[in-house]
């Protein structure tokens, strides 16, 4: 015995506007465990040592403390921090 199912038309998909991911001046922080941080929206480096890195984002200062810290890259407002990160602080 065969059963035929009628084919239904799929509803038309609505087109969505592509909006930028970051709409404000607030920084975006992506963590990969406690070994790597990616910070978008950086304006500059306020302090840099192997135990403390402070980044200026314009709206606040983000501090990263830990051991063997280094800024692996800093390009186009994106900083990549590596090391053993123990603490993150935000100062407005």
PDB file of N, CA and C in Angstrom:
ATOM      1  N   UNK A   1       0.842  -1.162   0.000  1.00  0.00           N
ATOM      2  CA  UNK A   1       0.000   0.000   0.000  1.00  0.00           C
ATOM      3  C   UNK A   1       0.889   1.228   0.000  1.00  0.00           C
ATOM      4  N   UNK A   2       0.665   2.167  -0.848  1.00  0.00           N
ATOM      5  CA  UNK A   2       1.446   3.404  -0.962  1.00  0.00           C
ATOM      6  C   UNK A   2       0.650   4.566  -0.429  1.00  0.00           C
ATOM      7  N   UNK A   3       1.344   5.417   0.303  1.00  0.00           N
ATOM      8  CA  UNK A   3       0.711   6.642   0.799  1.00  0.00           C
ATOM      9  C   UNK A   3       1.473   7.803   0.204  1.00  0.00           C
ATOM     10  N   UNK A   4       0.791   8.695  -0.432  1.00  0.00           N
ATOM     11  CA  UNK A   4       1.410   9.871  -1.014  1.00  0.00           C
ATOM     12  C   UNK A   4       1.124  11.070  -0.123  1.00  0.00           C
ATOM     13  N   UNK A   5       2.162  11.738   0.222  1.00  0.00           N
ATOM     14  CA  UNK A   5       2.003  12.948   1.028  1.00  0.00           C
ATOM     15  C   UNK A   5       2.076  14.149   0.111  1.00  0.00           C
ATOM     16  N   UNK A   6       1.208  15.057   0.311  1.00  0.00           N
ATOM     17  CA  UNK A   6       1.244  16.259  -0.527  1.00  0.00           C
ATOM     18  C   UNK A   6       2.447  17.104  -0.128  1.00  0.00           C
ATOM     19  N   UNK A   7       3.056  17.680  -1.118  1.00  0.00           N
ATOM     20  CA  UNK A   7       4.200  18.543  -0.837  1.00  0.00           C
ATOM     21  C   UNK A   7       3.689  19.920  -0.455  1.00  0.00           C
ATOM     22  N   UNK A   8       4.150  20.363   0.655  1.00  0.00           N
ATOM     23  CA  UNK A   8       3.773  21.703   1.101  1.00  0.00           C
ATOM     24  C   UNK A   8       4.845  22.680   0.696  1.00  0.00           C
ATOM     25  N   UNK A   9       4.424  23.861   0.365  1.00  0.00           N
ATOM     26  CA  UNK A   9       5.389  24.904   0.039  1.00  0.00           C
ATOM     27  C   UNK A   9       5.996  25.421   1.327  1.00  0.00           C
ATOM     28  N   UNK A  10       7.297  25.614   1.285  1.00  0.00           N
ATOM     29  CA  UNK A  10       7.978  26.176   2.445  1.00  0.00           C
ATOM     30  C   UNK A  10       7.627  27.649   2.555  1.00  0.00           C
ATOM     31  N   UNK A  11       7.448  28.131   3.778  1.00  0.00           N
ATOM     32  CA  UNK A  11       7.173  29.564   3.914  1.00  0.00           C
ATOM     33  C   UNK A  11       8.382  30.370   3.441  1.00  0.00           C
ATOM     34  N   UNK A  12       8.083  31.516   2.898  1.00  0.00           N
ATOM     35  CA  UNK A  12       9.166  32.389   2.433  1.00  0.00           C
ATOM     36  C   UNK A  12      10.003  32.838   3.611  1.00  0.00           C
ATOM     37  N   UNK A  13      11.318  32.779   3.416  1.00  0.00           N
ATOM     38  CA  UNK A  13      12.218  33.224   4.471  1.00  0.00           C
ATOM     39  C   UNK A  13      12.311  34.735   4.442  1.00  0.00           C
ATOM     40  N   UNK A  14      12.247  35.311   5.609  1.00  0.00           N
ATOM     41  CA  UNK A  14      12.385  36.758   5.703  1.00  0.00           C
ATOM     42  C   UNK A  14      13.854  37.116   5.656  1.00  0.00           C
ATOM     43  N   UNK A  15      14.159  38.160   4.974  1.00  0.00           N
ATOM     44  CA  UNK A  15      15.541  38.615   4.911  1.00  0.00           C
ATOM     45  C   UNK A  15      15.827  39.454   6.149  1.00  0.00           C
ATOM     46  N   UNK A  16      16.974  39.190   6.757  1.00  0.00           N
ATOM     47  CA  UNK A  16      17.376  39.917   7.946  1.00  0.00           C
ATOM     48  C   UNK A  16      18.497  40.874   7.591  1.00  0.00           C
ATOM     49  N   UNK A  17      18.471  42.002   8.221  1.00  0.00           N
ATOM     50  CA  UNK A  17      19.551  42.963   8.030  1.00  0.00           C
ATOM     51  C   UNK A  17      20.788  42.489   8.758  1.00  0.00           C
ATOM     52  N   UNK A  18      21.911  42.637   8.141  1.00  0.00           N
ATOM     53  CA  UNK A  18      23.173  42.305   8.794  1.00  0.00           C
ATOM     54  C   UNK A  18      23.614  43.505   9.622  1.00  0.00           C
ATOM     55  N   UNK A  19      23.578  43.359  10.931  1.00  0.00           N
ATOM     56  CA  UNK A  19      23.987  44.435  11.819  1.00  0.00           C
ATOM     57  C   UNK A  19      25.358  44.129  12.391  1.00  0.00           C
ATOM     58  N   UNK A  20      26.150  45.144  12.640  1.00  0.00           N
ATOM     59  CA  UNK A  20      27.459  44.881  13.253  1.00  0.00           C
ATOM     60  C   UNK A  20      27.281  44.223  14.614  1.00  0.00           C
ATOM     61  N   UNK A  21      28.204  43.304  14.935  1.00  0.00           N
ATOM     62  CA  UNK A  21      28.112  42.576  16.192  1.00  0.00           C
ATOM     63  C   UNK A  21      28.272  43.507  17.385  1.00  0.00           C
ATOM     64  N   UNK A  22      29.122  44.479  17.252  1.00  0.00           N
ATOM     65  CA  UNK A  22      29.396  45.390  18.351  1.00  0.00           C
ATOM     66  C   UNK A  22      28.815  46.753  18.009  1.00  0.00           C
ATOM     67  N   UNK A  23      27.678  47.092  18.640  1.00  0.00           N
ATOM     68  CA  UNK A  23      26.979  48.325  18.299  1.00  0.00           C
ATOM     69  C   UNK A  23      27.337  49.483  19.208  1.00  0.00           C
ATOM     70  N   UNK A  24      28.037  49.244  20.273  1.00  0.00           N
ATOM     71  CA  UNK A  24      28.364  50.310  21.206  1.00  0.00           C
ATOM     72  C   UNK A  24      29.869  50.401  21.379  1.00  0.00           C
ATOM     73  N   UNK A  25      30.270  51.332  22.241  1.00  0.00           N
ATOM     74  CA  UNK A  25      31.691  51.496  22.533  1.00  0.00           C
ATOM     75  C   UNK A  25      32.176  50.533  23.606  1.00  0.00           C
ATOM     76  N   UNK A  26      31.302  49.676  24.101  1.00  0.00           N
ATOM     77  CA  UNK A  26      31.685  48.729  25.143  1.00  0.00           C
ATOM     78  C   UNK A  26      32.605  47.654  24.567  1.00  0.00           C
ATOM     79  N   UNK A  27      33.622  47.257  25.336  1.00  0.00           N
ATOM     80  CA  UNK A  27      34.530  46.217  24.851  1.00  0.00           C
ATOM     81  C   UNK A  27      33.864  44.842  24.875  1.00  0.00           C
ATOM     82  N   UNK A  28      34.386  43.957  24.061  1.00  0.00           N
ATOM     83  CA  UNK A  28      33.913  42.573  24.027  1.00  0.00           C
ATOM     84  C   UNK A  28      35.067  41.691  24.474  1.00  0.00           C
ATOM     85  N   UNK A  29      34.786  40.776  25.392  1.00  0.00           N
ATOM     86  CA  UNK A  29      35.803  39.900  25.957  1.00  0.00           C
ATOM     87  C   UNK A  29      35.426  38.452  25.685  1.00  0.00           C
ATOM     88  N   UNK A  30      36.356  37.713  25.093  1.00  0.00           N
ATOM     89  CA  UNK A  30      36.161  36.286  24.849  1.00  0.00           C
ATOM     90  C   UNK A  30      37.234  35.536  25.624  1.00  0.00           C
ATOM     91  N   UNK A  31      36.807  34.583  26.442  1.00  0.00           N
ATOM     92  CA  UNK A  31      37.760  33.830  27.247  1.00  0.00           C
ATOM     93  C   UNK A  31      37.899  32.416  26.716  1.00  0.00           C
ATOM     94  N   UNK A  32      39.112  31.929  26.724  1.00  0.00           N
ATOM     95  CA  UNK A  32      39.382  30.543  26.378  1.00  0.00           C
ATOM     96  C   UNK A  32      40.059  29.926  27.599  1.00  0.00           C
ATOM     97  N   UNK A  33      39.200  29.455  28.515  1.00  0.00           N
ATOM     98  CA  UNK A  33      39.708  28.973  29.796  1.00  0.00           C
ATOM     99  C   UNK A  33      40.333  30.126  30.555  1.00  0.00           C
ATOM    100  N   UNK A  34      41.384  29.836  31.296  1.00  0.00           N
ATOM    101  CA  UNK A  34      42.106  30.912  31.980  1.00  0.00           C
ATOM    102  C   UNK A  34      43.476  31.128  31.339  1.00  0.00           C
ATOM    103  N   UNK A  35      43.640  30.664  30.092  1.00  0.00           N
ATOM    104  CA  UNK A  35      44.939  30.748  29.405  1.00  0.00           C
ATOM    105  C   UNK A  35      44.982  31.762  28.276  1.00  0.00           C
ATOM    106  N   UNK A  36      43.812  32.210  27.804  1.00  0.00           N
ATOM    107  CA  UNK A  36      43.808  33.164  26.699  1.00  0.00           C
ATOM    108  C   UNK A  36      42.569  34.048  26.766  1.00  0.00           C
ATOM    109  N   UNK A  37      42.762  35.344  26.541  1.00  0.00           N
ATOM    110  CA  UNK A  37      41.677  36.302  26.492  1.00  0.00           C
ATOM    111  C   UNK A  37      41.793  37.091  25.196  1.00  0.00           C
ATOM    112  N   UNK A  38      40.677  37.260  24.522  1.00  0.00           N
ATOM    113  CA  UNK A  38      40.626  38.085  23.324  1.00  0.00           C
ATOM    114  C   UNK A  38      39.742  39.282  23.665  1.00  0.00           C
ATOM    115  N   UNK A  39      40.310  40.474  23.553  1.00  0.00           N
ATOM    116  CA  UNK A  39      39.600  41.692  23.925  1.00  0.00           C
ATOM    117  C   UNK A  39      39.438  42.559  22.688  1.00  0.00           C
ATOM    118  N   UNK A  40      38.197  42.814  22.292  1.00  0.00           N
ATOM    119  CA  UNK A  40      37.910  43.695  21.169  1.00  0.00           C
ATOM    120  C   UNK A  40      37.516  45.066  21.706  1.00  0.00           C
ATOM    121  N   UNK A  41      37.926  46.094  21.027  1.00  0.00           N
ATOM    122  CA  UNK A  41      37.585  47.452  21.431  1.00  0.00           C
ATOM    123  C   UNK A  41      38.683  48.130  22.227  1.00  0.00           C
ATOM    124  N   UNK A  42      39.916  47.689  22.090  1.00  0.00           N
ATOM    125  CA  UNK A  42      41.044  48.270  22.826  1.00  0.00           C
ATOM    126  C   UNK A  42      41.528  49.546  22.154  1.00  0.00           C
ATOM    127  N   UNK A  43      41.798  50.539  22.977  1.00  0.00           N
ATOM    128  CA  UNK A  43      42.359  51.796  22.484  1.00  0.00           C
ATOM    129  C   UNK A  43      43.859  51.867  22.730  1.00  0.00           C
ATOM    130  N   UNK A  44      44.335  51.156  23.757  1.00  0.00           N
ATOM    131  CA  UNK A  44      45.752  51.192  24.064  1.00  0.00           C
ATOM    132  C   UNK A  44      46.086  50.347  25.281  1.00  0.00           C
ATOM    133  N   UNK A  45      47.391  50.295  25.571  1.00  0.00           N
ATOM    134  CA  UNK A  45      47.891  49.532  26.710  1.00  0.00           C
ATOM    135  C   UNK A  45      48.238  50.520  27.812  1.00  0.00           C
ATOM    136  N   UNK A  46      47.606  50.362  28.978  1.00  0.00           N
ATOM    137  CA  UNK A  46      47.841  51.266  30.099  1.00  0.00           C
ATOM    138  C   UNK A  46      48.991  50.789  30.980  1.00  0.00           C
ATOM    139  N   UNK A  47      49.164  49.476  31.090  1.00  0.00           N
ATOM    140  CA  UNK A  47      50.244  48.907  31.914  1.00  0.00           C
ATOM    141  C   UNK A  47      50.544  47.512  31.389  1.00  0.00           C
ATOM    142  N   UNK A  48      51.836  47.132  31.447  1.00  0.00           N
ATOM    143  CA  UNK A  48      52.212  45.835  30.888  1.00  0.00           C
ATOM    144  C   UNK A  48      53.399  45.255  31.640  1.00  0.00           C
ATOM    145  N   UNK A  49      53.181  44.116  32.311  1.00  0.00           N
ATOM    146  CA  UNK A  49      54.260  43.358  32.934  1.00  0.00           C
ATOM    147  C   UNK A  49      53.873  41.886  32.870  1.00  0.00           C
ATOM    148  N   UNK A  50      54.756  41.007  33.327  1.00  0.00           N
ATOM    149  CA  UNK A  50      54.447  39.573  33.246  1.00  0.00           C
ATOM    150  C   UNK A  50      53.379  39.143  34.244  1.00  0.00           C
ATOM    151  N   UNK A  51      53.050  40.031  35.220  1.00  0.00           N
ATOM    152  CA  UNK A  51      52.030  39.699  36.218  1.00  0.00           C
ATOM    153  C   UNK A  51      50.771  40.559  36.113  1.00  0.00           C
ATOM    154  N   UNK A  52      50.823  41.623  35.299  1.00  0.00           N
ATOM    155  CA  UNK A  52      49.678  42.532  35.204  1.00  0.00           C
ATOM    156  C   UNK A  52      49.648  43.204  33.840  1.00  0.00           C
ATOM    157  N   UNK A  53      48.492  43.129  33.203  1.00  0.00           N
ATOM    158  CA  UNK A  53      48.261  43.845  31.951  1.00  0.00           C
ATOM    159  C   UNK A  53      46.984  44.647  32.119  1.00  0.00           C
ATOM    160  N   UNK A  54      47.051  45.943  31.800  1.00  0.00           N
ATOM    161  CA  UNK A  54      45.869  46.802  31.833  1.00  0.00           C
ATOM    162  C   UNK A  54      45.659  47.373  30.440  1.00  0.00           C
ATOM    163  N   UNK A  55      44.432  47.212  29.935  1.00  0.00           N
ATOM    164  CA  UNK A  55      44.080  47.704  28.613  1.00  0.00           C
ATOM    165  C   UNK A  55      43.065  48.829  28.731  1.00  0.00           C
ATOM    166  N   UNK A  56      43.263  49.879  27.969  1.00  0.00           N
ATOM    167  CA  UNK A  56      42.332  51.000  27.919  1.00  0.00           C
ATOM    168  C   UNK A  56      41.352  50.737  26.783  1.00  0.00           C
ATOM    169  N   UNK A  57      40.068  50.700  27.107  1.00  0.00           N
ATOM    170  CA  UNK A  57      39.046  50.484  26.085  1.00  0.00           C
ATOM    171  C   UNK A  57      38.274  51.756  25.772  1.00  0.00           C
ATOM    172  N   UNK A  58      38.669  52.860  26.382  1.00  0.00           N
ATOM    173  CA  UNK A  58      37.949  54.106  26.184  1.00  0.00           C
ATOM    174  C   UNK A  58      36.867  54.302  27.223  1.00  0.00           C
ATOM    175  N   UNK A  59      36.057  53.281  27.481  1.00  0.00           N
ATOM    176  CA  UNK A  59      34.995  53.384  28.479  1.00  0.00           C
ATOM    177  C   UNK A  59      35.439  52.879  29.846  1.00  0.00           C
ATOM    178  N   UNK A  60      36.461  52.020  29.867  1.00  0.00           N
ATOM    179  CA  UNK A  60      36.976  51.501  31.134  1.00  0.00           C
ATOM    180  C   UNK A  60      38.366  50.928  30.928  1.00  0.00           C
ATOM    181  N   UNK A  61      39.008  50.632  32.054  1.00  0.00           N
ATOM    182  CA  UNK A  61      40.304  49.959  32.039  1.00  0.00           C
ATOM    183  C   UNK A  61      40.063  48.514  32.468  1.00  0.00           C
ATOM    184  N   UNK A  62      40.529  47.575  31.655  1.00  0.00           N
ATOM    185  CA  UNK A  62      40.410  46.159  31.991  1.00  0.00           C
ATOM    186  C   UNK A  62      41.773  45.682  32.452  1.00  0.00           C
ATOM    187  N   UNK A  63      41.820  45.075  33.641  1.00  0.00           N
ATOM    188  CA  UNK A  63      43.066  44.575  34.196  1.00  0.00           C
ATOM    189  C   UNK A  63      43.077  43.054  34.220  1.00  0.00           C
ATOM    190  N   UNK A  64      44.206  42.479  33.833  1.00  0.00           N
ATOM    191  CA  UNK A  64      44.384  41.034  33.849  1.00  0.00           C
ATOM    192  C   UNK A  64      45.610  40.733  34.694  1.00  0.00           C
ATOM    193  N   UNK A  65      45.432  39.980  35.759  1.00  0.00           N
ATOM    194  CA  UNK A  65      46.575  39.634  36.600  1.00  0.00           C
ATOM    195  C   UNK A  65      46.745  38.120  36.607  1.00  0.00           C
ATOM    196  N   UNK A  66      47.997  37.697  36.776  1.00  0.00           N
ATOM    197  CA  UNK A  66      48.303  36.278  36.773  1.00  0.00           C
ATOM    198  C   UNK A  66      49.793  36.054  36.629  1.00  0.00           C
ATOM    199  N   UNK A  67      50.158  34.997  35.931  1.00  0.00           N
ATOM    200  CA  UNK A  67      51.567  34.632  35.760  1.00  0.00           C
ATOM    201  C   UNK A  67      51.897  34.461  34.285  1.00  0.00           C
ATOM    202  N   UNK A  68      53.118  34.833  33.936  1.00  0.00           N
ATOM    203  CA  UNK A  68      53.624  34.671  32.568  1.00  0.00           C
ATOM    204  C   UNK A  68      52.703  35.298  31.527  1.00  0.00           C
ATOM    205  N   UNK A  69      52.146  36.462  31.847  1.00  0.00           N
ATOM    206  CA  UNK A  69      51.231  37.127  30.935  1.00  0.00           C
ATOM    207  C   UNK A  69      52.002  37.805  29.811  1.00  0.00           C
ATOM    208  N   UNK A  70      51.415  37.749  28.621  1.00  0.00           N
ATOM    209  CA  UNK A  70      51.980  38.475  27.494  1.00  0.00           C
ATOM    210  C   UNK A  70      50.871  38.835  26.529  1.00  0.00           C
ATOM    211  N   UNK A  71      51.091  39.924  25.816  1.00  0.00           N
ATOM    212  CA  UNK A  71      50.166  40.307  24.759  1.00  0.00           C
ATOM    213  C   UNK A  71      50.701  39.671  23.485  1.00  0.00           C
ATOM    214  N   UNK A  72      50.022  38.637  23.039  1.00  0.00           N
ATOM    215  CA  UNK A  72      50.484  37.916  21.856  1.00  0.00           C
ATOM    216  C   UNK A  72      50.313  38.762  20.597  1.00  0.00           C
ATOM    217  N   UNK A  73      49.213  39.506  20.530  1.00  0.00           N
ATOM    218  CA  UNK A  73      49.006  40.400  19.395  1.00  0.00           C
ATOM    219  C   UNK A  73      48.118  41.558  19.811  1.00  0.00           C
ATOM    220  N   UNK A  74      48.277  42.655  19.100  1.00  0.00           N
ATOM    221  CA  UNK A  74      47.461  43.851  19.320  1.00  0.00           C
ATOM    222  C   UNK A  74      47.322  44.507  17.960  1.00  0.00           C
ATOM    223  N   UNK A  75      46.141  44.332  17.344  1.00  0.00           N
ATOM    224  CA  UNK A  75      45.948  44.821  15.988  1.00  0.00           C
ATOM    225  C   UNK A  75      44.488  45.216  15.782  1.00  0.00           C
ATOM    226  N   UNK A  76      44.279  46.370  15.190  1.00  0.00           N
ATOM    227  CA  UNK A  76      42.925  46.857  14.875  1.00  0.00           C
ATOM    228  C   UNK A  76      41.982  46.824  16.078  1.00  0.00           C
ATOM    229  N   UNK A  77      42.495  47.211  17.240  1.00  0.00           N
ATOM    230  CA  UNK A  77      41.659  47.270  18.437  1.00  0.00           C
ATOM    231  C   UNK A  77      41.385  45.930  19.087  1.00  0.00           C
ATOM    232  N   UNK A  78      42.077  44.877  18.652  1.00  0.00           N
ATOM    233  CA  UNK A  78      41.888  43.548  19.241  1.00  0.00           C
ATOM    234  C   UNK A  78      43.199  43.107  19.876  1.00  0.00           C
ATOM    235  N   UNK A  79      43.147  42.807  21.182  1.00  0.00           N
ATOM    236  CA  UNK A  79      44.323  42.327  21.909  1.00  0.00           C
ATOM    237  C   UNK A  79      44.113  40.870  22.291  1.00  0.00           C
ATOM    238  N   UNK A  80      45.161  40.077  22.138  1.00  0.00           N
ATOM    239  CA  UNK A  80      45.127  38.676  22.564  1.00  0.00           C
ATOM    240  C   UNK A  80      46.143  38.532  23.689  1.00  0.00           C
ATOM    241  N   UNK A  81      45.643  38.178  24.870  1.00  0.00           N
ATOM    242  CA  UNK A  81      46.481  38.015  26.060  1.00  0.00           C
ATOM    243  C   UNK A  81      46.605  36.528  26.351  1.00  0.00           C
ATOM    244  N   UNK A  82      47.829  36.077  26.591  1.00  0.00           N
ATOM    245  CA  UNK A  82      48.065  34.673  26.946  1.00  0.00           C
ATOM    246  C   UNK A  82      48.836  34.606  28.255  1.00  0.00           C
ATOM    247  N   UNK A  83      48.717  33.480  28.921  1.00  0.00           N
ATOM    248  CA  UNK A  83      49.365  33.239  30.197  1.00  0.00           C
ATOM    249  C   UNK A  83      48.390  32.553  31.133  1.00  0.00           C
ATOM    250  N   UNK A  84      48.747  32.508  32.400  1.00  0.00           N
ATOM    251  CA  UNK A  84      47.855  31.954  33.419  1.00  0.00           C
ATOM    252  C   UNK A  84      47.128  33.140  34.046  1.00  0.00           C
ATOM    253  N   UNK A  85      45.884  33.331  33.663  1.00  0.00           N
ATOM    254  CA  UNK A  85      45.100  34.496  34.099  1.00  0.00           C
ATOM    255  C   UNK A  85      44.330  34.121  35.361  1.00  0.00           C
ATOM    256  N   UNK A  86      44.618  34.837  36.450  1.00  0.00           N
ATOM    257  CA  UNK A  86      43.996  34.539  37.741  1.00  0.00           C
ATOM    258  C   UNK A  86      42.838  35.471  38.055  1.00  0.00           C
ATOM    259  N   UNK A  87      42.897  36.704  37.525  1.00  0.00           N
ATOM    260  CA  UNK A  87      41.880  37.694  37.900  1.00  0.00           C
ATOM    261  C   UNK A  87      41.691  38.700  36.763  1.00  0.00           C
ATOM    262  N   UNK A  88      40.435  39.109  36.592  1.00  0.00           N
ATOM    263  CA  UNK A  88      40.097  40.167  35.635  1.00  0.00           C
ATOM    264  C   UNK A  88      39.382  41.258  36.434  1.00  0.00           C
ATOM    265  N   UNK A  89      39.817  42.506  36.242  1.00  0.00           N
ATOM    266  CA  UNK A  89      39.172  43.624  36.934  1.00  0.00           C
ATOM    267  C   UNK A  89      38.700  44.647  35.903  1.00  0.00           C
ATOM    268  N   UNK A  90      37.663  45.376  36.274  1.00  0.00           N
ATOM    269  CA  UNK A  90      37.104  46.420  35.419  1.00  0.00           C
ATOM    270  C   UNK A  90      37.039  47.704  36.240  1.00  0.00           C
ATOM    271  N   UNK A  91      37.654  48.756  35.734  1.00  0.00           N
ATOM    272  CA  UNK A  91      37.661  50.046  36.413  1.00  0.00           C
ATOM    273  C   UNK A  91      37.069  51.079  35.457  1.00  0.00           C
ATOM    274  N   UNK A  92      36.034  51.773  35.905  1.00  0.00           N
ATOM    275  CA  UNK A  92      35.408  52.790  35.061  1.00  0.00           C
ATOM    276  C   UNK A  92      36.014  54.155  35.308  1.00  0.00           C
TER     277      UNK A  92
END
